[in-house]
Amino acid sequence: MTDDIQKNIYEIDSKIRGSLEVKNIDDNKDRYTIRSLIDEAISSSQMEGAATTRKVARDMLKYEKTPKDHSQKMIYNNY
């Protein structure tokens, strides 16, 4: 990996960042915010040791189910 390659990768990354934004974010702002909070709560809890699938955790939060074990409680409390 040369300096020129790293410079080119940085430039591409910097320029593409703006084009990857969600279109019409205002129309979906609440949904986008809630989904981001759910994903962050799951990821953070799994890094801290919570052992459950993303699907189970997402369903628990989305449908407001009661946490069934310690891992689900971690995710619920993080959310």
PDB file of N, CA and C in Angstrom:
ATOM      1  N   MET A   1       0.865  -1.169   0.000  1.00  0.00           N
ATOM      2  CA  MET A   1       0.000   0.000   0.000  1.00  0.00           C
ATOM      3  C   MET A   1       0.914   1.236   0.000  1.00  0.00           C
ATOM      4  N   THR A   2       0.909   1.908  -1.104  1.00  0.00           N
ATOM      5  CA  THR A   2       1.767   3.088  -1.244  1.00  0.00           C
ATOM      6  C   THR A   2       1.050   4.332  -0.744  1.00  0.00           C
ATOM      7  N   ASP A   3       1.821   5.406  -0.598  1.00  0.00           N
ATOM      8  CA  ASP A   3       1.231   6.677  -0.170  1.00  0.00           C
ATOM      9  C   ASP A   3       0.209   7.176  -1.189  1.00  0.00           C
ATOM     10  N   ASP A   4       0.505   6.995  -2.489  1.00  0.00           N
ATOM     11  CA  ASP A   4      -0.431   7.433  -3.534  1.00  0.00           C
ATOM     12  C   ASP A   4      -1.750   6.670  -3.456  1.00  0.00           C
ATOM     13  N   ILE A   5      -1.677   5.369  -3.226  1.00  0.00           N
ATOM     14  CA  ILE A   5      -2.896   4.569  -3.116  1.00  0.00           C
ATOM     15  C   ILE A   5      -3.710   5.010  -1.904  1.00  0.00           C
ATOM     16  N   GLN A   6      -3.055   5.216  -0.779  1.00  0.00           N
ATOM     17  CA  GLN A   6      -3.766   5.664   0.425  1.00  0.00           C
ATOM     18  C   GLN A   6      -4.408   7.032   0.200  1.00  0.00           C
ATOM     19  N   LYS A   7      -3.707   7.923  -0.496  1.00  0.00           N
ATOM     20  CA  LYS A   7      -4.255   9.250  -0.792  1.00  0.00           C
ATOM     21  C   LYS A   7      -5.495   9.129  -1.678  1.00  0.00           C
ATOM     22  N   ASN A   8      -5.419   8.269  -2.696  1.00  0.00           N
ATOM     23  CA  ASN A   8      -6.557   8.076  -3.595  1.00  0.00           C
ATOM     24  C   ASN A   8      -7.755   7.469  -2.862  1.00  0.00           C
ATOM     25  N   ILE A   9      -7.512   6.505  -2.015  1.00  0.00           N
ATOM     26  CA  ILE A   9      -8.590   5.889  -1.235  1.00  0.00           C
ATOM     27  C   ILE A   9      -9.251   6.923  -0.330  1.00  0.00           C
ATOM     28  N   TYR A  10      -8.450   7.765   0.298  1.00  0.00           N
ATOM     29  CA  TYR A  10      -8.985   8.811   1.172  1.00  0.00           C
ATOM     30  C   TYR A  10      -9.867   9.776   0.376  1.00  0.00           C
ATOM     31  N   GLU A  11      -9.401  10.185  -0.804  1.00  0.00           N
ATOM     32  CA  GLU A  11     -10.176  11.109  -1.637  1.00  0.00           C
ATOM     33  C   GLU A  11     -11.497  10.488  -2.081  1.00  0.00           C
ATOM     34  N   ILE A  12     -11.442   9.233  -2.493  1.00  0.00           N
ATOM     35  CA  ILE A  12     -12.674   8.541  -2.913  1.00  0.00           C
ATOM     36  C   ILE A  12     -13.640   8.448  -1.741  1.00  0.00           C
ATOM     37  N   ASP A  13     -13.137   8.053  -0.583  1.00  0.00           N
ATOM     38  CA  ASP A  13     -13.974   7.927   0.608  1.00  0.00           C
ATOM     39  C   ASP A  13     -14.598   9.263   0.976  1.00  0.00           C
ATOM     40  N   SER A  14     -13.827  10.330   0.920  1.00  0.00           N
ATOM     41  CA  SER A  14     -14.322  11.663   1.272  1.00  0.00           C
ATOM     42  C   SER A  14     -15.415  12.136   0.318  1.00  0.00           C
ATOM     43  N   LYS A  15     -15.241  11.848  -0.961  1.00  0.00           N
ATOM     44  CA  LYS A  15     -16.204  12.324  -1.956  1.00  0.00           C
ATOM     45  C   LYS A  15     -17.477  11.488  -1.991  1.00  0.00           C
ATOM     46  N   ILE A  16     -17.363  10.196  -1.759  1.00  0.00           N
ATOM     47  CA  ILE A  16     -18.532   9.317  -1.844  1.00  0.00           C
ATOM     48  C   ILE A  16     -19.414   9.413  -0.605  1.00  0.00           C
ATOM     49  N   ARG A  17     -18.856   9.847   0.493  1.00  0.00           N
ATOM     50  CA  ARG A  17     -19.599   9.883   1.756  1.00  0.00           C
ATOM     51  C   ARG A  17     -20.911  10.628   1.607  1.00  0.00           C
ATOM     52  N   GLY A  18     -20.913  11.785   0.983  1.00  0.00           N
ATOM     53  CA  GLY A  18     -22.127  12.580   0.835  1.00  0.00           C
ATOM     54  C   GLY A  18     -23.160  11.933  -0.063  1.00  0.00           C
ATOM     55  N   SER A  19     -22.734  11.142  -1.030  1.00  0.00           N
ATOM     56  CA  SER A  19     -23.696  10.548  -1.961  1.00  0.00           C
ATOM     57  C   SER A  19     -24.361   9.305  -1.402  1.00  0.00           C
ATOM     58  N   LEU A  20     -23.877   8.801  -0.288  1.00  0.00           N
ATOM     59  CA  LEU A  20     -24.468   7.611   0.298  1.00  0.00           C
ATOM     60  C   LEU A  20     -25.532   7.916   1.340  1.00  0.00           C
ATOM     61  N   GLU A  21     -25.842   9.197   1.538  1.00  0.00           N
ATOM     62  CA  GLU A  21     -26.852   9.568   2.523  1.00  0.00           C
ATOM     63  C   GLU A  21     -28.216   9.064   2.087  1.00  0.00           C
ATOM     64  N   VAL A  22     -29.069   8.840   3.056  1.00  0.00           N
ATOM     65  CA  VAL A  22     -30.417   8.373   2.763  1.00  0.00           C
ATOM     66  C   VAL A  22     -31.188   9.490   2.070  1.00  0.00           C
ATOM     67  N   LYS A  23     -31.808   9.160   0.951  1.00  0.00           N
ATOM     68  CA  LYS A  23     -32.618  10.149   0.239  1.00  0.00           C
ATOM     69  C   LYS A  23     -33.936  10.335   0.988  1.00  0.00           C
ATOM     70  N   ASN A  24     -34.413  11.553   0.972  1.00  0.00           N
ATOM     71  CA  ASN A  24     -35.679  11.903   1.622  1.00  0.00           C
ATOM     72  C   ASN A  24     -35.664  11.524   3.102  1.00  0.00           C
ATOM     73  N   ILE A  25     -34.575  11.846   3.774  1.00  0.00           N
ATOM     74  CA  ILE A  25     -34.455  11.496   5.197  1.00  0.00           C
ATOM     75  C   ILE A  25     -35.574  12.129   6.013  1.00  0.00           C
ATOM     76  N   ASP A  26     -36.054  13.303   5.585  1.00  0.00           N
ATOM     77  CA  ASP A  26     -37.127  13.957   6.339  1.00  0.00           C
ATOM     78  C   ASP A  26     -38.398  13.117   6.354  1.00  0.00           C
ATOM     79  N   ASP A  27     -38.672  12.417   5.258  1.00  0.00           N
ATOM     80  CA  ASP A  27     -39.869  11.575   5.178  1.00  0.00           C
ATOM     81  C   ASP A  27     -39.788  10.356   6.085  1.00  0.00           C
ATOM     82  N   ASN A  28     -38.578   9.883   6.341  1.00  0.00           N
ATOM     83  CA  ASN A  28     -38.378   8.658   7.112  1.00  0.00           C
ATOM     84  C   ASN A  28     -37.574   8.898   8.385  1.00  0.00           C
ATOM     85  N   LYS A  29     -37.530  10.123   8.848  1.00  0.00           N
ATOM     86  CA  LYS A  29     -36.640  10.491   9.953  1.00  0.00           C
ATOM     87  C   LYS A  29     -36.907   9.681  11.220  1.00  0.00           C
ATOM     88  N   ASP A  30     -38.156   9.555  11.624  1.00  0.00           N
ATOM     89  CA  ASP A  30     -38.471   8.817  12.848  1.00  0.00           C
ATOM     90  C   ASP A  30     -38.082   7.345  12.720  1.00  0.00           C
ATOM     91  N   ARG A  31     -38.432   6.740  11.601  1.00  0.00           N
ATOM     92  CA  ARG A  31     -38.099   5.340  11.372  1.00  0.00           C
ATOM     93  C   ARG A  31     -36.581   5.129  11.350  1.00  0.00           C
ATOM     94  N   TYR A  32     -35.879   6.016  10.692  1.00  0.00           N
ATOM     95  CA  TYR A  32     -34.421   5.948  10.610  1.00  0.00           C
ATOM     96  C   TYR A  32     -33.798   6.089  11.998  1.00  0.00           C
ATOM     97  N   THR A  33     -34.290   7.029  12.791  1.00  0.00           N
ATOM     98  CA  THR A  33     -33.760   7.263  14.134  1.00  0.00           C
ATOM     99  C   THR A  33     -33.978   6.046  15.026  1.00  0.00           C
ATOM    100  N   ILE A  34     -35.175   5.496  15.027  1.00  0.00           N
ATOM    101  CA  ILE A  34     -35.486   4.327  15.858  1.00  0.00           C
ATOM    102  C   ILE A  34     -34.638   3.135  15.444  1.00  0.00           C
ATOM    103  N   ARG A  35     -34.524   2.908  14.142  1.00  0.00           N
ATOM    104  CA  ARG A  35     -33.715   1.779  13.665  1.00  0.00           C
ATOM    105  C   ARG A  35     -32.245   1.946  14.075  1.00  0.00           C
ATOM    106  N   SER A  36     -31.742   3.177  13.995  1.00  0.00           N
ATOM    107  CA  SER A  36     -30.358   3.445  14.399  1.00  0.00           C
ATOM    108  C   SER A  36     -30.165   3.184  15.883  1.00  0.00           C
ATOM    109  N   LEU A  37     -31.118   3.591  16.703  1.00  0.00           N
ATOM    110  CA  LEU A  37     -31.026   3.359  18.144  1.00  0.00           C
ATOM    111  C   LEU A  37     -31.065   1.864  18.467  1.00  0.00           C
ATOM    112  N   ILE A  38     -31.927   1.129  17.778  1.00  0.00           N
ATOM    113  CA  ILE A  38     -32.013  -0.318  17.989  1.00  0.00           C
ATOM    114  C   ILE A  38     -30.701  -0.989  17.607  1.00  0.00           C
ATOM    115  N   ASP A  39     -30.179  -0.657  16.430  1.00  0.00           N
ATOM    116  CA  ASP A  39     -28.925  -1.263  15.973  1.00  0.00           C
ATOM    117  C   ASP A  39     -27.762  -0.933  16.905  1.00  0.00           C
ATOM    118  N   GLU A  40     -27.719   0.293  17.389  1.00  0.00           N
ATOM    119  CA  GLU A  40     -26.646   0.698  18.303  1.00  0.00           C
ATOM    120  C   GLU A  40     -26.749  -0.050  19.625  1.00  0.00           C
ATOM    121  N   ALA A  41     -27.956  -0.194  20.152  1.00  0.00           N
ATOM    122  CA  ALA A  41     -28.155  -0.908  21.416  1.00  0.00           C
ATOM    123  C   ALA A  41     -27.739  -2.369  21.289  1.00  0.00           C
ATOM    124  N   ILE A  42     -28.082  -2.991  20.176  1.00  0.00           N
ATOM    125  CA  ILE A  42     -27.729  -4.396  19.957  1.00  0.00           C
ATOM    126  C   ILE A  42     -26.220  -4.548  19.820  1.00  0.00           C
ATOM    127  N   SER A  43     -25.617  -3.732  18.977  1.00  0.00           N
ATOM    128  CA  SER A  43     -24.169  -3.828  18.745  1.00  0.00           C
ATOM    129  C   SER A  43     -23.373  -3.585  20.020  1.00  0.00           C
ATOM    130  N   SER A  44     -23.728  -2.545  20.756  1.00  0.00           N
ATOM    131  CA  SER A  44     -23.012  -2.227  21.997  1.00  0.00           C
ATOM    132  C   SER A  44     -23.130  -3.362  23.008  1.00  0.00           C
ATOM    133  N   SER A  45     -24.329  -3.887  23.146  1.00  0.00           N
ATOM    134  CA  SER A  45     -24.547  -4.959  24.118  1.00  0.00           C
ATOM    135  C   SER A  45     -23.813  -6.236  23.711  1.00  0.00           C
ATOM    136  N   GLN A  46     -23.796  -6.537  22.422  1.00  0.00           N
ATOM    137  CA  GLN A  46     -23.079  -7.725  21.973  1.00  0.00           C
ATOM    138  C   GLN A  46     -21.582  -7.569  22.194  1.00  0.00           C
ATOM    139  N   MET A  47     -21.059  -6.373  22.029  1.00  0.00           N
ATOM    140  CA  MET A  47     -19.637  -6.137  22.314  1.00  0.00           C
ATOM    141  C   MET A  47     -19.338  -6.328  23.792  1.00  0.00           C
ATOM    142  N   GLU A  48     -20.335  -6.056  24.634  1.00  0.00           N
ATOM    143  CA  GLU A  48     -20.164  -6.211  26.079  1.00  0.00           C
ATOM    144  C   GLU A  48     -20.466  -7.630  26.545  1.00  0.00           C
ATOM    145  N   GLY A  49     -20.848  -8.517  25.612  1.00  0.00           N
ATOM    146  CA  GLY A  49     -21.027  -9.910  25.974  1.00  0.00           C
ATOM    147  C   GLY A  49     -22.427 -10.477  25.837  1.00  0.00           C
ATOM    148  N   ALA A  50     -23.385  -9.687  25.416  1.00  0.00           N
ATOM    149  CA  ALA A  50     -24.749 -10.205  25.233  1.00  0.00           C
ATOM    150  C   ALA A  50     -24.744 -11.259  24.129  1.00  0.00           C
ATOM    151  N   ALA A  51     -25.367 -12.389  24.428  1.00  0.00           N
ATOM    152  CA  ALA A  51     -25.375 -13.508  23.475  1.00  0.00           C
ATOM    153  C   ALA A  51     -26.793 -13.763  22.990  1.00  0.00           C
ATOM    154  N   THR A  52     -27.143 -13.152  21.877  1.00  0.00           N
ATOM    155  CA  THR A  52     -28.426 -13.367  21.230  1.00  0.00           C
ATOM    156  C   THR A  52     -28.296 -12.939  19.783  1.00  0.00           C
ATOM    157  N   THR A  53     -29.229 -13.353  18.958  1.00  0.00           N
ATOM    158  CA  THR A  53     -29.156 -12.961  17.556  1.00  0.00           C
ATOM    159  C   THR A  53     -29.733 -11.563  17.385  1.00  0.00           C
ATOM    160  N   ARG A  54     -29.329 -10.907  16.310  1.00  0.00           N
ATOM    161  CA  ARG A  54     -29.845  -9.573  16.010  1.00  0.00           C
ATOM    162  C   ARG A  54     -31.352  -9.633  15.752  1.00  0.00           C
ATOM    163  N   LYS A  55     -31.807 -10.697  15.093  1.00  0.00           N
ATOM    164  CA  LYS A  55     -33.233 -10.832  14.792  1.00  0.00           C
ATOM    165  C   LYS A  55     -34.060 -10.924  16.063  1.00  0.00           C
ATOM    166  N   VAL A  56     -33.626 -11.755  16.999  1.00  0.00           N
ATOM    167  CA  VAL A  56     -34.347 -11.908  18.268  1.00  0.00           C
ATOM    168  C   VAL A  56     -34.364 -10.574  19.012  1.00  0.00           C
ATOM    169  N   ALA A  57     -33.219  -9.924  19.071  1.00  0.00           N
ATOM    170  CA  ALA A  57     -33.124  -8.648  19.791  1.00  0.00           C
ATOM    171  C   ALA A  57     -33.976  -7.570  19.124  1.00  0.00           C
ATOM    172  N   ARG A  58     -33.914  -7.492  17.799  1.00  0.00           N
ATOM    173  CA  ARG A  58     -34.685  -6.481  17.077  1.00  0.00           C
ATOM    174  C   ARG A  58     -36.188  -6.709  17.266  1.00  0.00           C
ATOM    175  N   ASP A  59     -36.632  -7.973  17.196  1.00  0.00           N
ATOM    176  CA  ASP A  59     -38.049  -8.277  17.413  1.00  0.00           C
ATOM    177  C   ASP A  59     -38.486  -7.918  18.833  1.00  0.00           C
ATOM    178  N   MET A  60     -37.625  -8.207  19.809  1.00  0.00           N
ATOM    179  CA  MET A  60     -37.948  -7.885  21.194  1.00  0.00           C
ATOM    180  C   MET A  60     -38.199  -6.378  21.341  1.00  0.00           C
ATOM    181  N   LEU A  61     -37.311  -5.576  20.775  1.00  0.00           N
ATOM    182  CA  LEU A  61     -37.449  -4.126  20.907  1.00  0.00           C
ATOM    183  C   LEU A  61     -38.590  -3.584  20.045  1.00  0.00           C
ATOM    184  N   LYS A  62     -38.693  -4.094  18.838  1.00  0.00           N
ATOM    185  CA  LYS A  62     -39.717  -3.601  17.909  1.00  0.00           C
ATOM    186  C   LYS A  62     -41.130  -3.882  18.403  1.00  0.00           C
ATOM    187  N   TYR A  63     -41.340  -5.080  18.955  1.00  0.00           N
ATOM    188  CA  TYR A  63     -42.678  -5.481  19.401  1.00  0.00           C
ATOM    189  C   TYR A  63     -42.865  -5.336  20.911  1.00  0.00           C
ATOM    190  N   GLU A  64     -41.897  -4.668  21.558  1.00  0.00           N
ATOM    191  CA  GLU A  64     -41.962  -4.366  22.992  1.00  0.00           C
ATOM    192  C   GLU A  64     -42.204  -5.609  23.843  1.00  0.00           C
ATOM    193  N   LYS A  65     -41.470  -6.688  23.524  1.00  0.00           N
ATOM    194  CA  LYS A  65     -41.560  -7.920  24.298  1.00  0.00           C
ATOM    195  C   LYS A  65     -40.713  -7.798  25.560  1.00  0.00           C
ATOM    196  N   THR A  66     -41.078  -8.540  26.591  1.00  0.00           N
ATOM    197  CA  THR A  66     -40.319  -8.561  27.837  1.00  0.00           C
ATOM    198  C   THR A  66     -39.028  -9.364  27.632  1.00  0.00           C
ATOM    199  N   PRO A  67     -37.885  -8.818  28.073  1.00  0.00           N
ATOM    200  CA  PRO A  67     -36.628  -9.568  27.944  1.00  0.00           C
ATOM    201  C   PRO A  67     -36.708 -10.898  28.682  1.00  0.00           C
ATOM    202  N   LYS A  68     -36.174 -11.973  28.062  1.00  0.00           N
ATOM    203  CA  LYS A  68     -36.280 -13.311  28.634  1.00  0.00           C
ATOM    204  C   LYS A  68     -35.037 -13.757  29.389  1.00  0.00           C
ATOM    205  N   ASP A  69     -33.895 -13.109  29.136  1.00  0.00           N
ATOM    206  CA  ASP A  69     -32.665 -13.524  29.803  1.00  0.00           C
ATOM    207  C   ASP A  69     -31.748 -12.314  30.008  1.00  0.00           C
ATOM    208  N   HIS A  70     -30.596 -12.571  30.593  1.00  0.00           N
ATOM    209  CA  HIS A  70     -29.655 -11.494  30.913  1.00  0.00           C
ATOM    210  C   HIS A  70     -29.206 -10.737  29.658  1.00  0.00           C
ATOM    211  N   SER A  71     -28.933 -11.457  28.591  1.00  0.00           N
ATOM    212  CA  SER A  71     -28.485 -10.820  27.348  1.00  0.00           C
ATOM    213  C   SER A  71     -29.560  -9.891  26.781  1.00  0.00           C
ATOM    214  N   GLN A  72     -30.785 -10.348  26.783  1.00  0.00           N
ATOM    215  CA  GLN A  72     -31.870  -9.511  26.278  1.00  0.00           C
ATOM    216  C   GLN A  72     -32.098  -8.303  27.189  1.00  0.00           C
ATOM    217  N   LYS A  73     -31.908  -8.475  28.490  1.00  0.00           N
ATOM    218  CA  LYS A  73     -32.036  -7.350  29.420  1.00  0.00           C
ATOM    219  C   LYS A  73     -30.966  -6.299  29.155  1.00  0.00           C
ATOM    220  N   MET A  74     -29.753  -6.764  28.834  1.00  0.00           N
ATOM    221  CA  MET A  74     -28.673  -5.827  28.505  1.00  0.00           C
ATOM    222  C   MET A  74     -29.063  -4.958  27.300  1.00  0.00           C
ATOM    223  N   ILE A  75     -29.592  -5.605  26.285  1.00  0.00           N
ATOM    224  CA  ILE A  75     -29.976  -4.898  25.066  1.00  0.00           C
ATOM    225  C   ILE A  75     -31.149  -3.956  25.345  1.00  0.00           C
ATOM    226  N   TYR A  76     -32.127  -4.455  26.070  1.00  0.00           N
ATOM    227  CA  TYR A  76     -33.307  -3.642  26.406  1.00  0.00           C
ATOM    228  C   TYR A  76     -32.898  -2.396  27.192  1.00  0.00           C
ATOM    229  N   ASN A  77     -32.045  -2.563  28.184  1.00  0.00           N
ATOM    230  CA  ASN A  77     -31.599  -1.438  29.006  1.00  0.00           C
ATOM    231  C   ASN A  77     -30.730  -0.471  28.202  1.00  0.00           C
ATOM    232  N   ASN A  78     -29.946  -0.992  27.281  1.00  0.00           N
ATOM    233  CA  ASN A  78     -29.109  -0.145  26.442  1.00  0.00           C
ATOM    234  C   ASN A  78     -29.965   0.678  25.497  1.00  0.00           C
ATOM    235  N   TYR A  79     -31.054   0.098  25.037  1.00  0.00           N
ATOM    236  CA  TYR A  79     -31.968   0.804  24.139  1.00  0.00           C
ATOM    237  C   TYR A  79     -32.678   1.934  24.869  1.00  0.00           C
TER     238      TYR A  79
END
